[in-house]
Amino acid sequence: MRPFAAMRFKRPPAAAGGDPNFASRTVLLPLNGNATPVKGSAWSNTGSAPTWTSSNPPFAGLQSLELLGTTNSLVSATSQAILGSGDFGVELLFRLTSTSNSFRTLLTNYDADGLFSWGLWTNDAGQLYYYGDGAGLELFGGVDCRDSSWRIAQLVRQSGRLAIRIGKLGDGGNTTEVAFVTSNTTNFNSTKAMRLGLEGSYLGAPFFGQFAQLRISVGVAPSFAIPTAPWPTS
């Protein structure tokens, strides 16, 4: 046998850093100097032109979107918030720089009247806060995020368990589950828009800080590992 014959049909190794669940990502928005998604439809800007900054990046070389308590935000196409009735994950990298005792909007899913399907905020104690589910479900808790650290917020449903989780970039390990319900069967089949950084169409609870990446997965729950690099784009 020729020395290389046994290797002729060997499958090449997967590319380093690839995402095994990439097909399940319905939204992947890097926010690295623009609002062009890797997956999903383009997001539109509201208010004045977005401010992109290279200061205090979550990972070396990245830019982030800076929103400083104004009416600026990014709005999705109305079809991107269809999460279904099974497993899903909504993940967001953010840095909160305001220390005021105010609600700050991370991401909301809303209709033209400002009615919420669901949303993620930090509350007046700086904790991660979820509201929605059609019946006014509230979940909140965890650490005070008002220390200017980069963090990952996660809204996760896995086998009917709906939970919010928070982690600090650089800490290693996994995100921490701060609140949950054990049986959630709501069909998150919304065709409402999502807004990043402002509360619905009321334009309330403006965010104050920076956003780096947004990732939404349908049909699979995300990893709980705190990221050590930008999320893969393939």
C-alpha atoms as a PDB file:
ATOM      1  CA  MET A   1       0.000   0.000   0.000  1.00  0.00           C
ATOM      2  CA  ARG A   2       1.258   3.434  -0.859  1.00  0.00           C
ATOM      3  CA  PRO A   3       2.035   5.448   2.294  1.00  0.00           C
ATOM      4  CA  PHE A   4      -0.688   7.981   1.599  1.00  0.00           C
ATOM      5  CA  ALA A   5      -3.365   5.644   0.272  1.00  0.00           C
ATOM      6  CA  ALA A   6      -5.085   5.116   3.610  1.00  0.00           C
ATOM      7  CA  MET A   7      -5.444   8.864   4.020  1.00  0.00           C
ATOM      8  CA  ARG A   8      -6.891   9.593   0.572  1.00  0.00           C
ATOM      9  CA  PHE A   9     -10.519   9.825   1.665  1.00  0.00           C
ATOM     10  CA  LYS A  10      -9.982  11.066   5.194  1.00  0.00           C
ATOM     11  CA  ARG A  11     -12.278  13.968   6.022  1.00  0.00           C
ATOM     12  CA  PRO A  12     -10.376  17.168   6.744  1.00  0.00           C
ATOM     13  CA  PRO A  13     -10.663  18.501  10.294  1.00  0.00           C
ATOM     14  CA  ALA A  14     -13.285  21.149  11.055  1.00  0.00           C
ATOM     15  CA  ALA A  15     -12.110  24.716  10.966  1.00  0.00           C
ATOM     16  CA  ALA A  16     -10.880  25.941  14.332  1.00  0.00           C
ATOM     17  CA  GLY A  17     -13.364  28.122  16.140  1.00  0.00           C
ATOM     18  CA  GLY A  18     -16.382  26.961  14.121  1.00  0.00           C
ATOM     19  CA  ASP A  19     -19.889  26.912  15.623  1.00  0.00           C
ATOM     20  CA  PRO A  20     -21.462  23.412  15.622  1.00  0.00           C
ATOM     21  CA  ASN A  21     -24.911  24.997  16.127  1.00  0.00           C
ATOM     22  CA  PHE A  22     -24.501  27.719  13.509  1.00  0.00           C
ATOM     23  CA  ALA A  23     -27.537  26.469  11.539  1.00  0.00           C
ATOM     24  CA  SER A  24     -29.730  27.128  14.590  1.00  0.00           C
ATOM     25  CA  ARG A  25     -28.623  30.749  14.962  1.00  0.00           C
ATOM     26  CA  THR A  26     -31.414  32.925  13.543  1.00  0.00           C
ATOM     27  CA  VAL A  27     -29.825  36.231  14.556  1.00  0.00           C
ATOM     28  CA  LEU A  28     -26.111  36.907  14.848  1.00  0.00           C
ATOM     29  CA  LEU A  29     -25.360  40.605  15.101  1.00  0.00           C
ATOM     30  CA  PRO A  30     -21.678  41.381  15.759  1.00  0.00           C
ATOM     31  CA  LEU A  31     -22.140  45.194  16.107  1.00  0.00           C
ATOM     32  CA  ASN A  32     -18.476  45.587  15.189  1.00  0.00           C
ATOM     33  CA  GLY A  33     -18.730  49.020  13.613  1.00  0.00           C
ATOM     34  CA  ASN A  34     -22.031  48.415  11.799  1.00  0.00           C
ATOM     35  CA  ALA A  35     -25.472  46.842  12.197  1.00  0.00           C
ATOM     36  CA  THR A  36     -25.125  44.293   9.394  1.00  0.00           C
ATOM     37  CA  PRO A  37     -25.988  40.829  10.711  1.00  0.00           C
ATOM     38  CA  VAL A  38     -24.111  37.624   9.929  1.00  0.00           C
ATOM     39  CA  LYS A  39     -27.456  35.815  10.256  1.00  0.00           C
ATOM     40  CA  GLY A  40     -30.891  37.415   9.964  1.00  0.00           C
ATOM     41  CA  SER A  41     -32.205  40.583   8.342  1.00  0.00           C
ATOM     42  CA  ALA A  42     -30.636  44.007   8.665  1.00  0.00           C
ATOM     43  CA  TRP A  43     -31.482  46.151  11.688  1.00  0.00           C
ATOM     44  CA  SER A  44     -32.447  49.796  11.256  1.00  0.00           C
ATOM     45  CA  ASN A  45     -31.309  52.750  13.320  1.00  0.00           C
ATOM     46  CA  THR A  46     -33.629  55.107  15.185  1.00  0.00           C
ATOM     47  CA  GLY A  47     -32.623  58.534  16.384  1.00  0.00           C
ATOM     48  CA  SER A  48     -29.281  59.977  15.332  1.00  0.00           C
ATOM     49  CA  ALA A  49     -26.546  57.992  13.614  1.00  0.00           C
ATOM     50  CA  PRO A  50     -25.114  55.140  15.722  1.00  0.00           C
ATOM     51  CA  THR A  51     -21.982  55.829  17.703  1.00  0.00           C
ATOM     52  CA  TRP A  52     -19.327  53.146  17.343  1.00  0.00           C
ATOM     53  CA  THR A  53     -16.449  53.094  19.764  1.00  0.00           C
ATOM     54  CA  SER A  54     -13.172  51.202  20.028  1.00  0.00           C
ATOM     55  CA  SER A  55     -12.710  52.106  23.677  1.00  0.00           C
ATOM     56  CA  ASN A  56     -12.961  49.399  26.329  1.00  0.00           C
ATOM     57  CA  PRO A  57     -13.709  46.555  23.891  1.00  0.00           C
ATOM     58  CA  PRO A  58     -14.909  43.172  25.201  1.00  0.00           C
ATOM     59  CA  PHE A  59     -12.290  41.522  23.001  1.00  0.00           C
ATOM     60  CA  ALA A  60      -9.208  43.044  21.397  1.00  0.00           C
ATOM     61  CA  GLY A  61      -9.805  44.826  18.111  1.00  0.00           C
ATOM     62  CA  LEU A  62     -13.602  44.995  18.341  1.00  0.00           C
ATOM     63  CA  GLN A  63     -15.782  48.065  18.150  1.00  0.00           C
ATOM     64  CA  SER A  64     -19.084  48.287  19.988  1.00  0.00           C
ATOM     65  CA  LEU A  65     -22.318  50.240  19.778  1.00  0.00           C
ATOM     66  CA  GLU A  66     -22.481  53.040  22.340  1.00  0.00           C
ATOM     67  CA  LEU A  67     -25.866  54.258  23.602  1.00  0.00           C
ATOM     68  CA  LEU A  68     -25.772  56.910  26.300  1.00  0.00           C
ATOM     69  CA  GLY A  69     -29.297  57.350  27.585  1.00  0.00           C
ATOM     70  CA  THR A  70     -30.751  58.868  24.411  1.00  0.00           C
ATOM     71  CA  THR A  71     -33.554  57.862  22.038  1.00  0.00           C
ATOM     72  CA  ASN A  72     -31.102  56.020  19.807  1.00  0.00           C
ATOM     73  CA  SER A  73     -31.685  52.306  19.272  1.00  0.00           C
ATOM     74  CA  LEU A  74     -31.548  49.516  16.698  1.00  0.00           C
ATOM     75  CA  VAL A  75     -34.774  47.861  15.502  1.00  0.00           C
ATOM     76  CA  SER A  76     -35.075  44.427  13.909  1.00  0.00           C
ATOM     77  CA  ALA A  77     -37.260  43.221  11.096  1.00  0.00           C
ATOM     78  CA  THR A  78     -40.633  42.123  12.481  1.00  0.00           C
ATOM     79  CA  SER A  79     -40.057  38.446  11.737  1.00  0.00           C
ATOM     80  CA  GLN A  80     -36.856  37.885  13.719  1.00  0.00           C
ATOM     81  CA  ALA A  81     -38.385  37.247  17.157  1.00  0.00           C
ATOM     82  CA  ILE A  82     -40.043  33.921  16.268  1.00  0.00           C
ATOM     83  CA  LEU A  83     -38.568  31.666  18.942  1.00  0.00           C
ATOM     84  CA  GLY A  84     -41.216  28.935  18.885  1.00  0.00           C
ATOM     85  CA  SER A  85     -42.389  26.640  21.662  1.00  0.00           C
ATOM     86  CA  GLY A  86     -39.223  24.592  22.136  1.00  0.00           C
ATOM     87  CA  ASP A  87     -35.690  25.339  23.210  1.00  0.00           C
ATOM     88  CA  PHE A  88     -34.185  28.731  22.410  1.00  0.00           C
ATOM     89  CA  GLY A  89     -31.549  31.184  23.564  1.00  0.00           C
ATOM     90  CA  VAL A  90     -31.203  34.955  23.470  1.00  0.00           C
ATOM     91  CA  GLU A  91     -27.664  36.120  24.311  1.00  0.00           C
ATOM     92  CA  LEU A  92     -26.290  39.626  24.533  1.00  0.00           C
ATOM     93  CA  LEU A  93     -22.880  41.074  25.380  1.00  0.00           C
ATOM     94  CA  PHE A  94     -23.234  44.436  27.117  1.00  0.00           C
ATOM     95  CA  ARG A  95     -21.428  46.920  29.333  1.00  0.00           C
ATOM     96  CA  LEU A  96     -23.511  49.145  31.631  1.00  0.00           C
ATOM     97  CA  THR A  97     -21.751  52.393  32.514  1.00  0.00           C
ATOM     98  CA  SER A  98     -24.518  54.282  34.302  1.00  0.00           C
ATOM     99  CA  THR A  99     -24.710  53.922  38.082  1.00  0.00           C
ATOM    100  CA  SER A 100     -28.156  55.520  38.425  1.00  0.00           C
ATOM    101  CA  ASN A 101     -31.037  53.661  40.065  1.00  0.00           C
ATOM    102  CA  SER A 102     -32.921  53.320  36.796  1.00  0.00           C
ATOM    103  CA  PHE A 103     -34.224  50.542  34.591  1.00  0.00           C
ATOM    104  CA  ARG A 104     -32.040  50.159  31.496  1.00  0.00           C
ATOM    105  CA  THR A 105     -33.330  48.367  28.392  1.00  0.00           C
ATOM    106  CA  LEU A 106     -31.270  45.611  26.853  1.00  0.00           C
ATOM    107  CA  LEU A 107     -33.691  44.103  24.324  1.00  0.00           C
ATOM    108  CA  THR A 108     -37.478  44.237  23.966  1.00  0.00           C
ATOM    109  CA  ASN A 109     -39.930  42.504  21.643  1.00  0.00           C
ATOM    110  CA  TYR A 110     -42.933  44.763  21.106  1.00  0.00           C
ATOM    111  CA  ASP A 111     -45.729  45.838  18.758  1.00  0.00           C
ATOM    112  CA  ALA A 112     -46.595  49.293  17.432  1.00  0.00           C
ATOM    113  CA  ASP A 113     -48.588  50.099  20.582  1.00  0.00           C
ATOM    114  CA  GLY A 114     -45.619  49.309  22.789  1.00  0.00           C
ATOM    115  CA  LEU A 115     -47.158  46.115  24.162  1.00  0.00           C
ATOM    116  CA  PHE A 116     -44.451  43.670  25.159  1.00  0.00           C
ATOM    117  CA  SER A 117     -44.190  40.050  24.217  1.00  0.00           C
ATOM    118  CA  TRP A 118     -40.983  39.819  26.257  1.00  0.00           C
ATOM    119  CA  GLY A 119     -38.032  41.934  27.227  1.00  0.00           C
ATOM    120  CA  LEU A 120     -34.701  42.029  29.042  1.00  0.00           C
ATOM    121  CA  TRP A 121     -33.612  44.952  31.197  1.00  0.00           C
ATOM    122  CA  THR A 122     -31.373  45.752  34.113  1.00  0.00           C
ATOM    123  CA  ASN A 123     -33.556  46.930  36.987  1.00  0.00           C
ATOM    124  CA  ASP A 124     -33.097  49.809  39.433  1.00  0.00           C
ATOM    125  CA  ALA A 125     -30.692  47.641  41.451  1.00  0.00           C
ATOM    126  CA  GLY A 126     -28.612  46.870  38.356  1.00  0.00           C
ATOM    127  CA  GLN A 127     -29.785  43.242  38.236  1.00  0.00           C
ATOM    128  CA  LEU A 128     -30.815  41.329  35.129  1.00  0.00           C
ATOM    129  CA  TYR A 129     -34.610  41.522  34.738  1.00  0.00           C
ATOM    130  CA  TYR A 130     -37.045  39.685  32.425  1.00  0.00           C
ATOM    131  CA  TYR A 131     -40.715  40.528  31.851  1.00  0.00           C
ATOM    132  CA  GLY A 132     -43.144  38.941  29.451  1.00  0.00           C
ATOM    133  CA  ASP A 133     -44.561  35.559  28.570  1.00  0.00           C
ATOM    134  CA  GLY A 134     -48.030  36.987  27.926  1.00  0.00           C
ATOM    135  CA  ALA A 135     -49.022  36.722  31.592  1.00  0.00           C
ATOM    136  CA  GLY A 136     -46.705  39.263  33.163  1.00  0.00           C
ATOM    137  CA  LEU A 137     -44.040  36.806  34.256  1.00  0.00           C
ATOM    138  CA  GLU A 138     -41.171  38.544  36.070  1.00  0.00           C
ATOM    139  CA  LEU A 139     -37.730  37.055  36.613  1.00  0.00           C
ATOM    140  CA  PHE A 140     -34.853  38.988  38.155  1.00  0.00           C
ATOM    141  CA  GLY A 141     -31.849  38.685  40.397  1.00  0.00           C
ATOM    142  CA  GLY A 142     -28.100  38.290  40.460  1.00  0.00           C
ATOM    143  CA  VAL A 143     -25.248  40.737  40.714  1.00  0.00           C
ATOM    144  CA  ASP A 144     -25.288  44.500  40.280  1.00  0.00           C
ATOM    145  CA  CYS A 145     -24.115  45.087  36.709  1.00  0.00           C
ATOM    146  CA  ARG A 146     -23.399  48.802  37.178  1.00  0.00           C
ATOM    147  CA  ASP A 147     -19.631  48.443  37.465  1.00  0.00           C
ATOM    148  CA  SER A 148     -18.733  49.036  33.794  1.00  0.00           C
ATOM    149  CA  SER A 149     -17.712  45.385  33.295  1.00  0.00           C
ATOM    150  CA  TRP A 150     -18.549  43.506  30.111  1.00  0.00           C
ATOM    151  CA  ARG A 151     -21.192  40.886  30.777  1.00  0.00           C
ATOM    152  CA  ILE A 152     -23.218  38.271  28.961  1.00  0.00           C
ATOM    153  CA  ALA A 153     -26.980  38.140  29.554  1.00  0.00           C
ATOM    154  CA  GLN A 154     -28.894  35.031  28.534  1.00  0.00           C
ATOM    155  CA  LEU A 155     -32.608  34.235  28.247  1.00  0.00           C
ATOM    156  CA  VAL A 156     -32.776  30.456  27.844  1.00  0.00           C
ATOM    157  CA  ARG A 157     -35.490  27.851  27.534  1.00  0.00           C
ATOM    158  CA  GLN A 158     -34.341  24.247  27.751  1.00  0.00           C
ATOM    159  CA  SER A 159     -36.756  21.327  28.095  1.00  0.00           C
ATOM    160  CA  GLY A 160     -39.487  23.691  29.302  1.00  0.00           C
ATOM    161  CA  ARG A 161     -37.313  25.460  31.885  1.00  0.00           C
ATOM    162  CA  LEU A 162     -37.199  29.226  31.252  1.00  0.00           C
ATOM    163  CA  ALA A 163     -34.301  31.013  32.943  1.00  0.00           C
ATOM    164  CA  ILE A 164     -32.227  34.160  32.891  1.00  0.00           C
ATOM    165  CA  ARG A 165     -28.469  33.921  33.375  1.00  0.00           C
ATOM    166  CA  ILE A 166     -25.644  36.439  33.780  1.00  0.00           C
ATOM    167  CA  GLY A 167     -21.881  36.200  33.568  1.00  0.00           C
ATOM    168  CA  LYS A 168     -18.886  38.521  33.634  1.00  0.00           C
ATOM    169  CA  LEU A 169     -16.442  38.329  30.753  1.00  0.00           C
ATOM    170  CA  GLY A 170     -13.010  37.332  31.967  1.00  0.00           C
ATOM    171  CA  ASP A 171     -14.288  35.310  34.927  1.00  0.00           C
ATOM    172  CA  GLY A 172     -14.236  32.004  33.057  1.00  0.00           C
ATOM    173  CA  GLY A 173     -16.580  29.147  33.827  1.00  0.00           C
ATOM    174  CA  ASN A 174     -20.299  29.356  33.145  1.00  0.00           C
ATOM    175  CA  THR A 175     -22.960  32.030  33.437  1.00  0.00           C
ATOM    176  CA  THR A 176     -24.977  31.994  36.655  1.00  0.00           C
ATOM    177  CA  GLU A 177     -28.678  31.216  36.638  1.00  0.00           C
ATOM    178  CA  VAL A 178     -30.383  33.937  38.679  1.00  0.00           C
ATOM    179  CA  ALA A 179     -34.091  33.168  38.232  1.00  0.00           C
ATOM    180  CA  PHE A 180     -36.214  30.520  36.506  1.00  0.00           C
ATOM    181  CA  VAL A 181     -39.565  28.795  36.114  1.00  0.00           C
ATOM    182  CA  THR A 182     -39.530  25.027  35.730  1.00  0.00           C
ATOM    183  CA  SER A 183     -42.455  24.635  33.336  1.00  0.00           C
ATOM    184  CA  ASN A 184     -42.883  27.098  30.497  1.00  0.00           C
ATOM    185  CA  THR A 185     -44.829  26.126  27.385  1.00  0.00           C
ATOM    186  CA  THR A 186     -45.504  29.572  25.919  1.00  0.00           C
ATOM    187  CA  ASN A 187     -45.211  29.752  22.150  1.00  0.00           C
ATOM    188  CA  PHE A 188     -42.808  32.641  21.548  1.00  0.00           C
ATOM    189  CA  ASN A 189     -44.156  32.956  18.021  1.00  0.00           C
ATOM    190  CA  SER A 190     -44.047  36.727  17.822  1.00  0.00           C
ATOM    191  CA  THR A 191     -43.918  38.656  14.583  1.00  0.00           C
ATOM    192  CA  LYS A 192     -43.290  41.880  16.485  1.00  0.00           C
ATOM    193  CA  ALA A 193     -40.082  43.835  16.098  1.00  0.00           C
ATOM    194  CA  MET A 194     -37.232  43.738  18.575  1.00  0.00           C
ATOM    195  CA  ARG A 195     -35.582  46.922  19.796  1.00  0.00           C
ATOM    196  CA  LEU A 196     -32.067  47.063  21.188  1.00  0.00           C
ATOM    197  CA  GLY A 197     -31.469  49.754  23.795  1.00  0.00           C
ATOM    198  CA  LEU A 198     -34.964  51.241  24.200  1.00  0.00           C
ATOM    199  CA  GLU A 199     -38.252  50.061  25.674  1.00  0.00           C
ATOM    200  CA  GLY A 200     -40.760  49.247  22.935  1.00  0.00           C
ATOM    201  CA  SER A 201     -42.319  52.140  21.079  1.00  0.00           C
ATOM    202  CA  TYR A 202     -42.571  54.142  24.314  1.00  0.00           C
ATOM    203  CA  LEU A 203     -38.842  54.877  23.993  1.00  0.00           C
ATOM    204  CA  GLY A 204     -38.437  54.574  27.745  1.00  0.00           C
ATOM    205  CA  ALA A 205     -35.718  53.136  29.986  1.00  0.00           C
ATOM    206  CA  PRO A 206     -32.879  53.997  27.591  1.00  0.00           C
ATOM    207  CA  PHE A 207     -29.707  51.971  27.819  1.00  0.00           C
ATOM    208  CA  PHE A 208     -26.501  53.663  28.980  1.00  0.00           C
ATOM    209  CA  GLY A 209     -23.348  51.873  27.919  1.00  0.00           C
ATOM    210  CA  GLN A 210     -22.138  49.609  25.115  1.00  0.00           C
ATOM    211  CA  PHE A 211     -23.403  46.576  23.198  1.00  0.00           C
ATOM    212  CA  ALA A 212     -21.029  44.199  21.420  1.00  0.00           C
ATOM    213  CA  GLN A 213     -22.889  41.140  20.138  1.00  0.00           C
ATOM    214  CA  LEU A 214     -26.414  39.709  19.970  1.00  0.00           C
ATOM    215  CA  ARG A 215     -27.128  36.053  19.200  1.00  0.00           C
ATOM    216  CA  ILE A 216     -30.497  34.278  19.030  1.00  0.00           C
ATOM    217  CA  SER A 217     -30.835  30.516  18.612  1.00  0.00           C
ATOM    218  CA  VAL A 218     -34.007  28.537  17.889  1.00  0.00           C
ATOM    219  CA  GLY A 219     -34.377  24.816  18.523  1.00  0.00           C
ATOM    220  CA  VAL A 220     -31.266  24.566  20.667  1.00  0.00           C
ATOM    221  CA  ALA A 221     -30.292  26.067  24.018  1.00  0.00           C
ATOM    222  CA  PRO A 222     -26.996  27.965  24.055  1.00  0.00           C
ATOM    223  CA  SER A 223     -23.840  26.993  25.836  1.00  0.00           C
ATOM    224  CA  PHE A 224     -23.567  28.453  29.321  1.00  0.00           C
ATOM    225  CA  ALA A 225     -19.819  28.983  28.981  1.00  0.00           C
ATOM    226  CA  ILE A 226     -18.762  32.614  29.378  1.00  0.00           C
ATOM    227  CA  PRO A 227     -17.237  33.548  25.998  1.00  0.00           C
ATOM    228  CA  THR A 228     -13.529  34.152  25.775  1.00  0.00           C
ATOM    229  CA  ALA A 229     -13.617  35.356  22.148  1.00  0.00           C
ATOM    230  CA  PRO A 230     -16.201  36.776  19.754  1.00  0.00           C
ATOM    231  CA  TRP A 231     -18.882  34.305  18.743  1.00  0.00           C
ATOM    232  CA  PRO A 232     -17.990  32.351  15.591  1.00  0.00           C
ATOM    233  CA  THR A 233     -19.494  33.586  12.332  1.00  0.00           C
ATOM    234  CA  SER A 234     -19.631  30.227  10.572  1.00  0.00           C
END
